[in-house]
């Protein structure tokens, strides 16, 4: 297989770097020129973006010669973030294992975080159940393939232990779900 000289890779590397950097922009130049900053602020708020996310828009739009409207952005974000920071959304965010970036205003954060934590407990318990279930099935497949009596006995012990741990993990999941319904 012939090898290419290093200089052949430079244009490819430069294109890759530009593609990565372009992927970091929050908005394209055209989006910056036609932006409704109130709507963008509302969307960012509804997606739980912190106030500092505006700075990323400023950076993205700088090359397009556009200066984002902070007042309109903030007015939209203030409404959007109130839609984001509900207890129900906090629960769903936690249950899905999503990251919360401390974006909620103080008057909404306590209720949001209470439900976020309840959802996160369920998420973590479900992940533990899934992990143990995967490990158990893996050991069972290994047992089916094994011909060595000593290995088979060791695998049976591991399967018993994993089965016991899985039952406990399912109980923990059930308890977390029950507590969250209260």
N, C-alpha and C. Protein backbone atom coordinates (compact mmCIF):
# COMPACT_ATOMS: atom_id res chain seq x y z
N UNK A 1 0.84 -1.17 0.00
CA UNK A 1 0.00 0.00 0.00
C UNK A 1 0.89 1.24 0.00
N UNK A 2 0.72 2.16 -0.96
CA UNK A 2 1.58 3.33 -1.02
C UNK A 2 1.24 4.29 0.12
N UNK A 3 2.23 5.00 0.58
CA UNK A 3 2.01 6.00 1.63
C UNK A 3 2.04 7.38 1.01
N UNK A 4 1.26 8.27 1.57
CA UNK A 4 1.20 9.64 1.09
C UNK A 4 2.14 10.50 1.92
N UNK A 5 2.75 11.51 1.32
CA UNK A 5 3.60 12.40 2.11
C UNK A 5 2.74 13.20 3.09
N UNK A 6 3.36 13.59 4.19
CA UNK A 6 2.65 14.33 5.23
C UNK A 6 2.01 15.60 4.67
N UNK A 7 2.66 16.25 3.72
CA UNK A 7 2.10 17.48 3.16
C UNK A 7 0.75 17.24 2.50
N UNK A 8 0.45 16.01 2.10
CA UNK A 8 -0.85 15.70 1.50
C UNK A 8 -1.98 15.77 2.52
N UNK A 9 -1.64 15.60 3.78
CA UNK A 9 -2.66 15.59 4.82
C UNK A 9 -2.97 16.99 5.36
N UNK A 10 -2.12 17.96 5.10
CA UNK A 10 -2.32 19.30 5.65
C UNK A 10 -3.65 19.91 5.22
N UNK A 11 -4.02 19.86 3.93
CA UNK A 11 -5.33 20.44 3.57
C UNK A 11 -6.48 19.70 4.25
N UNK A 12 -6.35 18.39 4.38
CA UNK A 12 -7.41 17.63 5.06
C UNK A 12 -7.49 18.00 6.53
N UNK A 13 -6.35 18.14 7.17
CA UNK A 13 -6.32 18.51 8.58
C UNK A 13 -6.91 19.90 8.78
N UNK A 14 -6.57 20.83 7.91
CA UNK A 14 -7.10 22.19 8.02
C UNK A 14 -8.62 22.18 7.86
N UNK A 15 -9.11 21.41 6.90
CA UNK A 15 -10.56 21.32 6.69
C UNK A 15 -11.24 20.71 7.90
N UNK A 16 -10.62 19.71 8.50
CA UNK A 16 -11.20 19.08 9.69
C UNK A 16 -11.26 20.06 10.86
N UNK A 17 -10.19 20.84 11.05
CA UNK A 17 -10.17 21.83 12.13
C UNK A 17 -11.26 22.87 11.91
N UNK A 18 -11.41 23.36 10.68
CA UNK A 18 -12.45 24.34 10.38
C UNK A 18 -13.83 23.76 10.62
N UNK A 19 -14.04 22.51 10.26
CA UNK A 19 -15.34 21.87 10.47
C UNK A 19 -15.65 21.78 11.96
N UNK A 20 -14.66 21.43 12.76
CA UNK A 20 -14.86 21.33 14.21
C UNK A 20 -15.16 22.70 14.79
N UNK A 21 -14.39 23.71 14.37
CA UNK A 21 -14.62 25.06 14.90
C UNK A 21 -15.99 25.59 14.47
N UNK A 22 -16.39 25.31 13.26
CA UNK A 22 -17.71 25.76 12.81
C UNK A 22 -18.80 25.08 13.61
N UNK A 23 -18.57 23.83 14.02
CA UNK A 23 -19.54 23.10 14.82
C UNK A 23 -19.72 23.70 16.20
N UNK A 24 -18.77 24.52 16.66
CA UNK A 24 -18.84 25.13 17.98
C UNK A 24 -19.72 26.37 17.98
N UNK A 25 -19.98 26.96 16.83
CA UNK A 25 -20.77 28.18 16.75
C UNK A 25 -22.22 27.87 17.12
N UNK A 26 -22.82 28.79 17.88
CA UNK A 26 -24.22 28.59 18.25
C UNK A 26 -25.14 28.97 17.10
N UNK A 27 -24.65 29.83 16.21
CA UNK A 27 -25.48 30.30 15.10
C UNK A 27 -24.61 30.56 13.88
N UNK A 28 -25.21 30.42 12.70
CA UNK A 28 -24.51 30.76 11.47
C UNK A 28 -24.56 32.27 11.25
N UNK A 29 -23.76 32.77 10.33
CA UNK A 29 -23.77 34.19 10.01
C UNK A 29 -25.16 34.64 9.54
N UNK A 30 -25.79 33.83 8.71
CA UNK A 30 -27.13 34.16 8.21
C UNK A 30 -28.14 34.20 9.35
N UNK A 31 -28.06 33.24 10.27
CA UNK A 31 -28.97 33.23 11.42
C UNK A 31 -28.76 34.48 12.27
N UNK A 32 -27.51 34.89 12.41
CA UNK A 32 -27.22 36.11 13.18
C UNK A 32 -27.85 37.33 12.54
N UNK A 33 -27.80 37.41 11.21
CA UNK A 33 -28.33 38.58 10.50
C UNK A 33 -29.86 38.65 10.56
N UNK A 34 -30.52 37.51 10.66
CA UNK A 34 -31.99 37.50 10.64
C UNK A 34 -32.60 37.18 12.00
N UNK A 35 -31.80 37.18 13.02
CA UNK A 35 -32.22 36.71 14.35
C UNK A 35 -33.31 37.58 14.98
N UNK A 36 -34.25 36.90 15.61
CA UNK A 36 -35.22 37.54 16.51
C UNK A 36 -34.70 37.19 17.91
N UNK A 37 -34.02 38.13 18.53
CA UNK A 37 -33.32 37.85 19.79
C UNK A 37 -34.26 37.51 20.93
N UNK A 38 -35.47 37.99 20.87
CA UNK A 38 -36.48 37.62 21.87
C UNK A 38 -36.78 36.12 21.75
N UNK A 39 -37.03 35.66 20.53
CA UNK A 39 -37.32 34.24 20.29
C UNK A 39 -36.13 33.35 20.64
N UNK A 40 -34.94 33.79 20.29
CA UNK A 40 -33.73 33.00 20.61
C UNK A 40 -33.57 32.91 22.12
N UNK A 41 -33.78 34.02 22.81
CA UNK A 41 -33.70 34.00 24.27
C UNK A 41 -34.73 33.07 24.88
N UNK A 42 -35.96 33.11 24.33
CA UNK A 42 -37.00 32.23 24.84
C UNK A 42 -36.62 30.77 24.61
N UNK A 43 -36.13 30.45 23.42
CA UNK A 43 -35.73 29.06 23.12
C UNK A 43 -34.59 28.62 24.04
N UNK A 44 -33.60 29.48 24.21
CA UNK A 44 -32.49 29.12 25.09
C UNK A 44 -32.97 28.90 26.53
N UNK A 45 -33.89 29.76 26.98
CA UNK A 45 -34.44 29.59 28.33
C UNK A 45 -35.20 28.28 28.46
N UNK A 46 -36.02 27.97 27.47
CA UNK A 46 -36.79 26.73 27.51
C UNK A 46 -35.89 25.50 27.45
N UNK A 47 -34.68 25.67 26.94
CA UNK A 47 -33.71 24.56 26.90
C UNK A 47 -32.77 24.57 28.11
N UNK A 48 -33.03 25.46 29.06
CA UNK A 48 -32.24 25.47 30.30
C UNK A 48 -30.85 26.07 30.16
N UNK A 49 -30.64 26.90 29.15
CA UNK A 49 -29.33 27.53 28.96
C UNK A 49 -29.17 28.64 30.00
N UNK A 50 -27.95 28.76 30.52
CA UNK A 50 -27.67 29.80 31.50
C UNK A 50 -27.57 31.16 30.80
N UNK A 51 -27.60 32.22 31.58
CA UNK A 51 -27.48 33.58 31.02
C UNK A 51 -26.19 33.75 30.23
N UNK A 52 -25.14 33.08 30.65
CA UNK A 52 -23.84 33.22 29.97
C UNK A 52 -23.85 32.65 28.56
N UNK A 53 -24.86 31.87 28.21
CA UNK A 53 -24.94 31.33 26.86
C UNK A 53 -25.06 32.45 25.83
N UNK A 54 -25.59 33.60 26.24
CA UNK A 54 -25.67 34.76 25.35
C UNK A 54 -24.28 35.12 24.82
N UNK A 55 -23.26 35.00 25.65
CA UNK A 55 -21.88 35.32 25.23
C UNK A 55 -21.44 34.46 24.06
N UNK A 56 -21.93 33.22 24.01
CA UNK A 56 -21.58 32.35 22.88
C UNK A 56 -22.24 32.85 21.60
N UNK A 57 -23.45 33.38 21.72
CA UNK A 57 -24.10 33.98 20.54
C UNK A 57 -23.31 35.20 20.08
N UNK A 58 -22.85 36.02 21.03
CA UNK A 58 -22.06 37.21 20.68
C UNK A 58 -20.82 36.78 19.90
N UNK A 59 -20.14 35.75 20.37
CA UNK A 59 -18.94 35.26 19.69
C UNK A 59 -19.29 34.73 18.30
N UNK A 60 -20.36 33.97 18.18
CA UNK A 60 -20.77 33.41 16.89
C UNK A 60 -21.11 34.50 15.89
N UNK A 61 -21.73 35.56 16.37
CA UNK A 61 -22.23 36.61 15.46
C UNK A 61 -21.19 37.70 15.18
N UNK A 62 -20.11 37.69 15.89
CA UNK A 62 -19.08 38.73 15.73
C UNK A 62 -18.56 38.77 14.29
N UNK A 63 -18.24 37.61 13.72
CA UNK A 63 -17.71 37.56 12.36
C UNK A 63 -18.72 38.04 11.33
N UNK A 64 -20.01 37.91 11.64
CA UNK A 64 -21.05 38.37 10.72
C UNK A 64 -21.32 39.86 10.88
N UNK A 65 -20.63 40.49 11.84
CA UNK A 65 -20.82 41.92 12.07
C UNK A 65 -22.14 42.23 12.75
N UNK A 66 -22.68 41.28 13.46
CA UNK A 66 -23.97 41.45 14.14
C UNK A 66 -23.74 41.49 15.64
N UNK A 67 -24.36 42.46 16.27
CA UNK A 67 -24.31 42.56 17.72
C UNK A 67 -25.67 42.13 18.27
N UNK A 68 -25.74 40.99 18.95
CA UNK A 68 -27.02 40.52 19.49
C UNK A 68 -27.63 41.53 20.45
N UNK A 69 -28.95 41.56 20.48
CA UNK A 69 -29.71 42.48 21.33
C UNK A 69 -29.93 41.84 22.70
N UNK A 70 -29.12 42.24 23.66
CA UNK A 70 -29.17 41.66 25.00
C UNK A 70 -30.52 41.88 25.68
N UNK A 71 -31.09 43.06 25.53
CA UNK A 71 -32.36 43.35 26.21
C UNK A 71 -33.47 42.43 25.70
N UNK A 72 -33.59 42.29 24.38
CA UNK A 72 -34.63 41.41 23.83
C UNK A 72 -34.34 39.95 24.17
N UNK A 73 -33.07 39.55 24.08
CA UNK A 73 -32.68 38.19 24.43
C UNK A 73 -33.08 37.88 25.87
N UNK A 74 -32.74 38.78 26.78
CA UNK A 74 -33.01 38.58 28.21
C UNK A 74 -34.51 38.52 28.47
N UNK A 75 -35.28 39.37 27.80
CA UNK A 75 -36.74 39.35 27.99
C UNK A 75 -37.31 37.98 27.56
N UNK A 76 -36.84 37.47 26.44
CA UNK A 76 -37.30 36.15 25.98
C UNK A 76 -36.82 35.03 26.88
N UNK A 77 -35.54 35.09 27.26
CA UNK A 77 -34.98 34.03 28.12
C UNK A 77 -35.69 33.98 29.46
N UNK A 78 -36.02 35.15 30.01
CA UNK A 78 -36.70 35.17 31.31
C UNK A 78 -38.03 34.43 31.27
N UNK A 79 -38.73 34.51 30.15
CA UNK A 79 -39.98 33.76 30.01
C UNK A 79 -39.68 32.28 29.77
N UNK A 80 -38.73 32.01 28.87
CA UNK A 80 -38.39 30.62 28.55
C UNK A 80 -37.88 29.84 29.76
N UNK A 81 -37.05 30.48 30.57
CA UNK A 81 -36.46 29.76 31.71
C UNK A 81 -37.54 29.42 32.74
N UNK A 82 -38.57 30.24 32.84
CA UNK A 82 -39.68 29.94 33.76
C UNK A 82 -40.47 28.73 33.28
N UNK A 83 -40.50 28.53 31.99
CA UNK A 83 -41.15 27.33 31.44
C UNK A 83 -40.28 26.09 31.65
N UNK A 84 -38.99 26.29 31.63
CA UNK A 84 -38.05 25.18 31.84
C UNK A 84 -38.02 24.75 33.30
N UNK A 85 -38.02 25.70 34.21
CA UNK A 85 -37.76 25.44 35.63
C UNK A 85 -39.00 25.01 36.40
N UNK A 86 -39.76 24.09 35.83
CA UNK A 86 -40.93 23.57 36.53
C UNK A 86 -40.54 22.28 37.25
N UNK A 87 -41.24 21.93 38.31
CA UNK A 87 -40.96 20.66 38.98
C UNK A 87 -41.10 19.46 38.05
N UNK A 88 -42.12 19.47 37.20
CA UNK A 88 -42.31 18.34 36.27
C UNK A 88 -41.13 18.20 35.32
N UNK A 89 -40.65 19.32 34.80
CA UNK A 89 -39.50 19.26 33.89
C UNK A 89 -38.24 18.83 34.65
N UNK A 90 -38.10 19.30 35.88
CA UNK A 90 -36.97 18.88 36.69
C UNK A 90 -36.95 17.37 36.87
N UNK A 91 -38.12 16.80 37.14
CA UNK A 91 -38.23 15.36 37.31
C UNK A 91 -37.80 14.63 36.02
N UNK A 92 -38.34 15.09 34.88
CA UNK A 92 -38.00 14.45 33.60
C UNK A 92 -36.52 14.59 33.27
N UNK A 93 -35.96 15.75 33.54
CA UNK A 93 -34.52 15.96 33.30
C UNK A 93 -33.71 14.96 34.12
N UNK A 94 -34.04 14.81 35.39
CA UNK A 94 -33.33 13.87 36.25
C UNK A 94 -33.54 12.44 35.82
N UNK A 95 -34.77 12.08 35.50
CA UNK A 95 -35.10 10.70 35.10
C UNK A 95 -34.36 10.31 33.83
N UNK A 96 -34.17 11.26 32.94
CA UNK A 96 -33.43 10.98 31.70
C UNK A 96 -31.93 11.05 31.89
N UNK A 97 -31.50 11.47 33.08
CA UNK A 97 -30.06 11.56 33.34
C UNK A 97 -29.41 12.78 32.72
N UNK A 98 -30.22 13.78 32.39
CA UNK A 98 -29.70 15.00 31.79
C UNK A 98 -28.98 15.86 32.82
N UNK A 99 -28.02 16.61 32.35
CA UNK A 99 -27.26 17.53 33.18
C UNK A 99 -28.07 18.79 33.42
N UNK A 100 -28.05 19.29 34.64
CA UNK A 100 -28.68 20.56 34.97
C UNK A 100 -27.57 21.57 35.21
N UNK A 101 -27.60 22.68 34.48
CA UNK A 101 -26.53 23.68 34.55
C UNK A 101 -26.79 24.85 35.46
N UNK A 102 -27.59 24.67 36.51
CA UNK A 102 -27.86 25.73 37.49
C UNK A 102 -28.39 27.00 36.84
N UNK A 103 -29.34 26.86 35.93
CA UNK A 103 -29.87 28.00 35.17
C UNK A 103 -31.14 28.59 35.78
N UNK A 104 -31.78 27.88 36.68
CA UNK A 104 -33.08 28.34 37.20
C UNK A 104 -32.90 29.51 38.17
N UNK A 105 -33.84 30.46 38.12
CA UNK A 105 -33.81 31.56 39.09
C UNK A 105 -34.09 31.02 40.50
N UNK A 106 -33.62 31.75 41.49
CA UNK A 106 -33.71 31.30 42.88
C UNK A 106 -35.14 30.94 43.31
N UNK A 107 -36.12 31.70 42.84
CA UNK A 107 -37.49 31.43 43.29
C UNK A 107 -38.07 30.14 42.72
N UNK A 108 -37.45 29.58 41.69
CA UNK A 108 -37.93 28.33 41.08
C UNK A 108 -36.99 27.15 41.31
N UNK A 109 -35.78 27.45 41.70
CA UNK A 109 -34.76 26.40 41.74
C UNK A 109 -35.03 25.32 42.78
N UNK A 110 -35.51 25.67 43.94
CA UNK A 110 -35.70 24.67 44.99
C UNK A 110 -36.67 23.58 44.54
N UNK A 111 -37.84 23.96 44.04
CA UNK A 111 -38.84 22.97 43.60
C UNK A 111 -38.32 22.17 42.41
N UNK A 112 -37.65 22.85 41.49
CA UNK A 112 -37.07 22.17 40.33
C UNK A 112 -36.06 21.12 40.79
N UNK A 113 -35.16 21.51 41.67
CA UNK A 113 -34.11 20.58 42.12
C UNK A 113 -34.66 19.42 42.94
N UNK A 114 -35.69 19.66 43.74
CA UNK A 114 -36.28 18.57 44.51
C UNK A 114 -36.75 17.47 43.56
N UNK A 115 -37.46 17.84 42.52
CA UNK A 115 -37.98 16.86 41.56
C UNK A 115 -36.86 16.32 40.66
N UNK A 116 -35.88 17.17 40.32
CA UNK A 116 -34.74 16.72 39.52
C UNK A 116 -34.02 15.59 40.26
N UNK A 117 -33.78 15.80 41.54
CA UNK A 117 -33.07 14.78 42.33
C UNK A 117 -33.87 13.49 42.43
N UNK A 118 -35.19 13.61 42.58
CA UNK A 118 -36.04 12.41 42.64
C UNK A 118 -35.95 11.65 41.31
N UNK A 119 -35.99 12.37 40.21
CA UNK A 119 -35.85 11.74 38.90
C UNK A 119 -34.48 11.12 38.70
N UNK A 120 -33.46 11.80 39.21
CA UNK A 120 -32.08 11.31 39.06
C UNK A 120 -31.88 10.01 39.86
N UNK A 121 -32.50 9.91 41.02
CA UNK A 121 -32.42 8.67 41.81
C UNK A 121 -33.01 7.52 41.01
N UNK A 122 -34.14 7.76 40.35
CA UNK A 122 -34.75 6.72 39.52
C UNK A 122 -33.83 6.38 38.35
N UNK A 123 -33.29 7.39 37.72
CA UNK A 123 -32.37 7.15 36.59
C UNK A 123 -31.19 6.29 37.02
N UNK A 124 -30.57 6.65 38.13
CA UNK A 124 -29.41 5.90 38.61
C UNK A 124 -29.79 4.47 39.00
N UNK A 125 -30.95 4.31 39.62
CA UNK A 125 -31.40 2.97 40.00
C UNK A 125 -31.67 2.13 38.75
N UNK A 126 -32.26 2.74 37.74
CA UNK A 126 -32.52 2.01 36.49
C UNK A 126 -31.22 1.61 35.80
N UNK A 127 -30.25 2.50 35.82
CA UNK A 127 -28.93 2.16 35.23
C UNK A 127 -28.30 0.99 35.97
N UNK A 128 -28.43 0.96 37.29
CA UNK A 128 -27.89 -0.16 38.07
C UNK A 128 -28.60 -1.46 37.70
N UNK A 129 -29.91 -1.42 37.58
CA UNK A 129 -30.66 -2.61 37.17
C UNK A 129 -30.18 -3.07 35.79
N UNK A 130 -30.08 -2.14 34.86
CA UNK A 130 -29.64 -2.49 33.50
C UNK A 130 -28.24 -3.08 33.49
N UNK A 131 -27.34 -2.49 34.27
CA UNK A 131 -25.96 -2.98 34.34
C UNK A 131 -25.91 -4.39 34.91
N UNK A 132 -26.61 -4.61 36.00
CA UNK A 132 -26.61 -5.95 36.61
C UNK A 132 -27.26 -6.98 35.70
N UNK A 133 -28.33 -6.58 35.03
CA UNK A 133 -29.00 -7.48 34.10
C UNK A 133 -28.06 -7.87 32.95
N UNK A 134 -27.32 -6.90 32.43
CA UNK A 134 -26.36 -7.18 31.36
C UNK A 134 -25.27 -8.13 31.84
N UNK A 135 -24.74 -7.85 33.03
CA UNK A 135 -23.69 -8.71 33.58
C UNK A 135 -24.20 -10.13 33.82
N UNK A 136 -25.43 -10.24 34.33
CA UNK A 136 -26.03 -11.55 34.58
C UNK A 136 -26.17 -12.34 33.28
N UNK A 137 -26.71 -11.71 32.24
CA UNK A 137 -26.87 -12.40 30.95
C UNK A 137 -25.52 -12.80 30.35
N UNK A 138 -24.52 -11.96 30.55
CA UNK A 138 -23.18 -12.27 30.07
C UNK A 138 -22.63 -13.53 30.75
N UNK A 139 -22.81 -13.60 32.06
CA UNK A 139 -22.34 -14.78 32.81
C UNK A 139 -23.12 -16.04 32.39
N UNK A 140 -24.41 -15.89 32.15
CA UNK A 140 -25.22 -17.03 31.72
C UNK A 140 -24.76 -17.55 30.36
N UNK A 141 -24.45 -16.63 29.46
CA UNK A 141 -23.93 -17.06 28.14
C UNK A 141 -22.58 -17.76 28.28
N UNK A 142 -21.76 -17.22 29.18
CA UNK A 142 -20.45 -17.83 29.41
C UNK A 142 -20.62 -19.23 29.99
N UNK A 143 -21.57 -19.39 30.91
CA UNK A 143 -21.85 -20.70 31.51
C UNK A 143 -22.29 -21.69 30.44
N UNK A 144 -23.13 -21.25 29.53
CA UNK A 144 -23.61 -22.13 28.45
C UNK A 144 -22.47 -22.62 27.57
N UNK A 145 -21.44 -21.81 27.40
CA UNK A 145 -20.32 -22.18 26.52
C UNK A 145 -19.20 -22.93 27.23
N UNK A 146 -19.16 -22.81 28.55
CA UNK A 146 -18.04 -23.38 29.30
C UNK A 146 -18.10 -24.91 29.37
N UNK A 147 -16.94 -25.51 29.28
CA UNK A 147 -16.80 -26.98 29.40
C UNK A 147 -16.09 -27.36 30.70
N UNK A 148 -15.44 -26.39 31.31
CA UNK A 148 -14.65 -26.64 32.50
C UNK A 148 -15.54 -26.61 33.75
N UNK A 149 -15.53 -27.72 34.52
CA UNK A 149 -16.39 -27.82 35.70
C UNK A 149 -16.08 -26.76 36.74
N UNK A 150 -14.81 -26.47 36.94
CA UNK A 150 -14.42 -25.47 37.93
C UNK A 150 -14.93 -24.07 37.52
N UNK A 151 -14.75 -23.76 36.26
CA UNK A 151 -15.22 -22.48 35.75
C UNK A 151 -16.75 -22.40 35.84
N UNK A 152 -17.42 -23.50 35.52
CA UNK A 152 -18.88 -23.52 35.57
C UNK A 152 -19.38 -23.27 36.99
N UNK A 153 -18.72 -23.88 37.98
CA UNK A 153 -19.12 -23.66 39.37
C UNK A 153 -18.91 -22.21 39.78
N UNK A 154 -17.79 -21.63 39.37
CA UNK A 154 -17.52 -20.21 39.67
C UNK A 154 -18.58 -19.31 39.01
N UNK A 155 -18.92 -19.62 37.78
CA UNK A 155 -19.94 -18.84 37.08
C UNK A 155 -21.31 -18.97 37.74
N UNK A 156 -21.63 -20.16 38.23
CA UNK A 156 -22.91 -20.34 38.94
C UNK A 156 -22.97 -19.47 40.20
N UNK A 157 -21.83 -19.42 40.92
CA UNK A 157 -21.78 -18.56 42.12
C UNK A 157 -21.96 -17.09 41.73
N UNK A 158 -21.28 -16.67 40.69
CA UNK A 158 -21.41 -15.29 40.22
C UNK A 158 -22.85 -14.99 39.80
N UNK A 159 -23.47 -15.93 39.12
CA UNK A 159 -24.86 -15.76 38.68
C UNK A 159 -25.79 -15.63 39.87
N UNK A 160 -25.59 -16.47 40.90
CA UNK A 160 -26.42 -16.36 42.11
C UNK A 160 -26.25 -14.99 42.76
N UNK A 161 -24.98 -14.54 42.88
CA UNK A 161 -24.72 -13.23 43.48
C UNK A 161 -25.34 -12.09 42.66
N UNK A 162 -25.16 -12.17 41.36
CA UNK A 162 -25.73 -11.14 40.49
C UNK A 162 -27.25 -11.15 40.53
N UNK A 163 -27.83 -12.33 40.59
CA UNK A 163 -29.28 -12.44 40.67
C UNK A 163 -29.78 -11.79 41.96
N UNK A 164 -29.10 -12.05 43.06
CA UNK A 164 -29.47 -11.44 44.35
C UNK A 164 -29.33 -9.91 44.27
N UNK A 165 -28.20 -9.45 43.71
CA UNK A 165 -27.98 -8.01 43.58
C UNK A 165 -29.02 -7.36 42.66
N UNK A 166 -29.39 -8.08 41.63
CA UNK A 166 -30.39 -7.57 40.69
C UNK A 166 -31.76 -7.45 41.37
N UNK A 167 -32.12 -8.42 42.18
CA UNK A 167 -33.39 -8.33 42.92
C UNK A 167 -33.39 -7.11 43.84
N UNK A 168 -32.27 -6.89 44.53
CA UNK A 168 -32.17 -5.72 45.41
C UNK A 168 -32.24 -4.42 44.60
N UNK A 169 -31.56 -4.39 43.48
CA UNK A 169 -31.56 -3.19 42.63
C UNK A 169 -32.97 -2.90 42.11
N UNK A 170 -33.71 -3.95 41.75
CA UNK A 170 -35.09 -3.75 41.29
C UNK A 170 -35.97 -3.23 42.43
N UNK A 171 -35.72 -3.74 43.65
CA UNK A 171 -36.45 -3.22 44.81
C UNK A 171 -36.12 -1.74 45.03
N UNK A 172 -34.85 -1.39 44.90
CA UNK A 172 -34.44 0.01 45.06
C UNK A 172 -35.11 0.89 44.00
N UNK A 173 -35.18 0.40 42.78
CA UNK A 173 -35.85 1.15 41.71
C UNK A 173 -37.33 1.33 42.04
N UNK A 174 -37.96 0.27 42.46
CA UNK A 174 -39.38 0.34 42.82
C UNK A 174 -39.59 1.36 43.95
N UNK A 175 -38.71 1.32 44.98
CA UNK A 175 -38.80 2.27 46.09
C UNK A 175 -38.63 3.70 45.61
N UNK A 176 -37.67 3.93 44.73
CA UNK A 176 -37.43 5.28 44.20
C UNK A 176 -38.64 5.78 43.42
N UNK A 177 -39.23 4.90 42.63
CA UNK A 177 -40.43 5.30 41.87
C UNK A 177 -41.61 5.57 42.79
N UNK A 178 -41.75 4.77 43.82
CA UNK A 178 -42.83 4.96 44.80
C UNK A 178 -42.65 6.28 45.54
N UNK A 179 -41.43 6.57 45.98
CA UNK A 179 -41.16 7.84 46.68
C UNK A 179 -41.41 9.04 45.78
N UNK A 180 -41.10 8.91 44.51
CA UNK A 180 -41.29 10.03 43.57
C UNK A 180 -42.76 10.32 43.32
N UNK A 181 -43.61 9.31 43.47
CA UNK A 181 -45.05 9.52 43.25
C UNK A 181 -45.71 10.28 44.39
N UNK A 182 -45.07 10.32 45.54
CA UNK A 182 -45.66 11.01 46.71
C UNK A 182 -45.68 12.49 46.53
